[in-house]
């Protein structure tokens, strides 16, 4: 039984986290907003992205109030500029 979430980090978020993928322990279900708050606490450099980063839970963009549970895959998707 999973005890955490698989976090995928892209672009600038990956640079801050220092890896494309990390396991984050999750003691109990939370919301996407609470998970982002926890990630910002663990990786203070993410705070710069806090208002613009999107979370996707199991491949679907999540609203701040959407639930996150142990075993979920959560992607941190910061804004990306293109040319």
C-alpha atoms as a PDB file:
ATOM      1  CA  UNK A   1       0.000   0.000   0.000  1.00  0.00           C
ATOM      2  CA  UNK A   2       1.518   3.381  -1.020  1.00  0.00           C
ATOM      3  CA  UNK A   3       2.425   5.805   1.739  1.00  0.00           C
ATOM      4  CA  UNK A   4       3.193   8.840  -0.376  1.00  0.00           C
ATOM      5  CA  UNK A   5       2.826  10.538  -3.718  1.00  0.00           C
ATOM      6  CA  UNK A   6       5.108  10.421  -6.735  1.00  0.00           C
ATOM      7  CA  UNK A   7       6.023  14.019  -7.557  1.00  0.00           C
ATOM      8  CA  UNK A   8       7.093  14.875 -11.105  1.00  0.00           C
ATOM      9  CA  UNK A   9       8.788  18.245 -11.552  1.00  0.00           C
ATOM     10  CA  UNK A  10       9.140  20.028 -14.885  1.00  0.00           C
ATOM     11  CA  UNK A  11      11.160  23.019 -16.183  1.00  0.00           C
ATOM     12  CA  UNK A  12      12.073  25.482 -13.401  1.00  0.00           C
ATOM     13  CA  UNK A  13      10.392  23.345 -10.745  1.00  0.00           C
ATOM     14  CA  UNK A  14      12.747  20.479 -11.634  1.00  0.00           C
ATOM     15  CA  UNK A  15      15.708  22.822 -11.210  1.00  0.00           C
ATOM     16  CA  UNK A  16      14.499  23.856  -7.738  1.00  0.00           C
ATOM     17  CA  UNK A  17      13.694  20.319  -6.580  1.00  0.00           C
ATOM     18  CA  UNK A  18      16.943  18.986  -8.025  1.00  0.00           C
ATOM     19  CA  UNK A  19      15.301  15.979  -9.653  1.00  0.00           C
ATOM     20  CA  UNK A  20      12.623  15.170 -12.202  1.00  0.00           C
ATOM     21  CA  UNK A  21      10.915  12.824  -9.755  1.00  0.00           C
ATOM     22  CA  UNK A  22      10.728  12.539  -5.959  1.00  0.00           C
ATOM     23  CA  UNK A  23       8.644  10.537  -3.519  1.00  0.00           C
ATOM     24  CA  UNK A  24       6.832  12.685  -0.969  1.00  0.00           C
ATOM     25  CA  UNK A  25       5.443  11.006   2.166  1.00  0.00           C
ATOM     26  CA  UNK A  26       1.754  11.712   2.701  1.00  0.00           C
ATOM     27  CA  UNK A  27       0.364  10.907   6.161  1.00  0.00           C
ATOM     28  CA  UNK A  28      -3.256  11.504   5.144  1.00  0.00           C
ATOM     29  CA  UNK A  29      -5.253  12.749   2.167  1.00  0.00           C
ATOM     30  CA  UNK A  30      -4.933  16.477   1.508  1.00  0.00           C
ATOM     31  CA  UNK A  31      -5.901  19.019  -1.125  1.00  0.00           C
ATOM     32  CA  UNK A  32      -3.767  20.067  -4.074  1.00  0.00           C
ATOM     33  CA  UNK A  33      -3.297  23.480  -2.408  1.00  0.00           C
ATOM     34  CA  UNK A  34      -2.096  21.849   0.816  1.00  0.00           C
ATOM     35  CA  UNK A  35       0.314  19.665  -1.124  1.00  0.00           C
ATOM     36  CA  UNK A  36       1.733  22.682  -2.953  1.00  0.00           C
ATOM     37  CA  UNK A  37       2.156  24.426   0.402  1.00  0.00           C
ATOM     38  CA  UNK A  38       4.083  21.391   1.690  1.00  0.00           C
ATOM     39  CA  UNK A  39       6.273  21.347  -1.432  1.00  0.00           C
ATOM     40  CA  UNK A  40       7.060  25.056  -0.994  1.00  0.00           C
ATOM     41  CA  UNK A  41       8.021  24.382   2.636  1.00  0.00           C
ATOM     42  CA  UNK A  42      10.350  21.532   1.594  1.00  0.00           C
ATOM     43  CA  UNK A  43      11.760  23.395  -1.422  1.00  0.00           C
ATOM     44  CA  UNK A  44      11.638  27.156  -0.645  1.00  0.00           C
ATOM     45  CA  UNK A  45      12.694  28.027  -4.195  1.00  0.00           C
ATOM     46  CA  UNK A  46       9.243  26.891  -5.387  1.00  0.00           C
ATOM     47  CA  UNK A  47       7.690  29.858  -3.592  1.00  0.00           C
ATOM     48  CA  UNK A  48       8.576  32.021  -6.605  1.00  0.00           C
ATOM     49  CA  UNK A  49       6.281  29.823  -8.721  1.00  0.00           C
ATOM     50  CA  UNK A  50       3.486  29.459  -6.167  1.00  0.00           C
ATOM     51  CA  UNK A  51       0.970  31.776  -7.859  1.00  0.00           C
ATOM     52  CA  UNK A  52       1.579  30.448 -11.350  1.00  0.00           C
ATOM     53  CA  UNK A  53       2.442  26.764 -10.947  1.00  0.00           C
ATOM     54  CA  UNK A  54      -0.188  24.191 -11.938  1.00  0.00           C
ATOM     55  CA  UNK A  55      -0.598  20.793 -10.374  1.00  0.00           C
ATOM     56  CA  UNK A  56      -1.810  17.775 -12.287  1.00  0.00           C
ATOM     57  CA  UNK A  57      -3.024  14.792 -10.279  1.00  0.00           C
ATOM     58  CA  UNK A  58      -2.940  11.494 -12.136  1.00  0.00           C
ATOM     59  CA  UNK A  59      -2.667  13.291 -15.474  1.00  0.00           C
ATOM     60  CA  UNK A  60      -5.485  15.815 -14.939  1.00  0.00           C
ATOM     61  CA  UNK A  61      -5.033  19.468 -13.966  1.00  0.00           C
ATOM     62  CA  UNK A  62      -6.162  19.884 -10.360  1.00  0.00           C
ATOM     63  CA  UNK A  63      -8.123  22.716  -8.758  1.00  0.00           C
ATOM     64  CA  UNK A  64      -6.788  23.888  -5.364  1.00  0.00           C
ATOM     65  CA  UNK A  65      -9.525  21.996  -3.495  1.00  0.00           C
ATOM     66  CA  UNK A  66      -9.106  18.689  -5.384  1.00  0.00           C
ATOM     67  CA  UNK A  67      -8.035  15.753  -3.208  1.00  0.00           C
ATOM     68  CA  UNK A  68      -4.595  14.144  -3.286  1.00  0.00           C
ATOM     69  CA  UNK A  69      -4.119  10.684  -1.800  1.00  0.00           C
ATOM     70  CA  UNK A  70      -1.249   8.292  -1.195  1.00  0.00           C
ATOM     71  CA  UNK A  71      -0.405   6.503  -4.437  1.00  0.00           C
ATOM     72  CA  UNK A  72      -1.265   9.488  -6.652  1.00  0.00           C
ATOM     73  CA  UNK A  73       1.120  10.906  -9.230  1.00  0.00           C
ATOM     74  CA  UNK A  74       1.357  14.684  -8.988  1.00  0.00           C
ATOM     75  CA  UNK A  75       3.102  16.852 -11.578  1.00  0.00           C
ATOM     76  CA  UNK A  76       4.417  20.334 -10.791  1.00  0.00           C
ATOM     77  CA  UNK A  77       4.014  22.352 -13.977  1.00  0.00           C
ATOM     78  CA  UNK A  78       5.440  25.888 -13.859  1.00  0.00           C
ATOM     79  CA  UNK A  79       4.746  28.385 -16.630  1.00  0.00           C
ATOM     80  CA  UNK A  80       6.890  27.774 -19.687  1.00  0.00           C
ATOM     81  CA  UNK A  81       7.918  30.403 -22.205  1.00  0.00           C
ATOM     82  CA  UNK A  82       8.339  29.404 -25.812  1.00  0.00           C
ATOM     83  CA  UNK A  83       9.565  30.988 -28.947  1.00  0.00           C
END
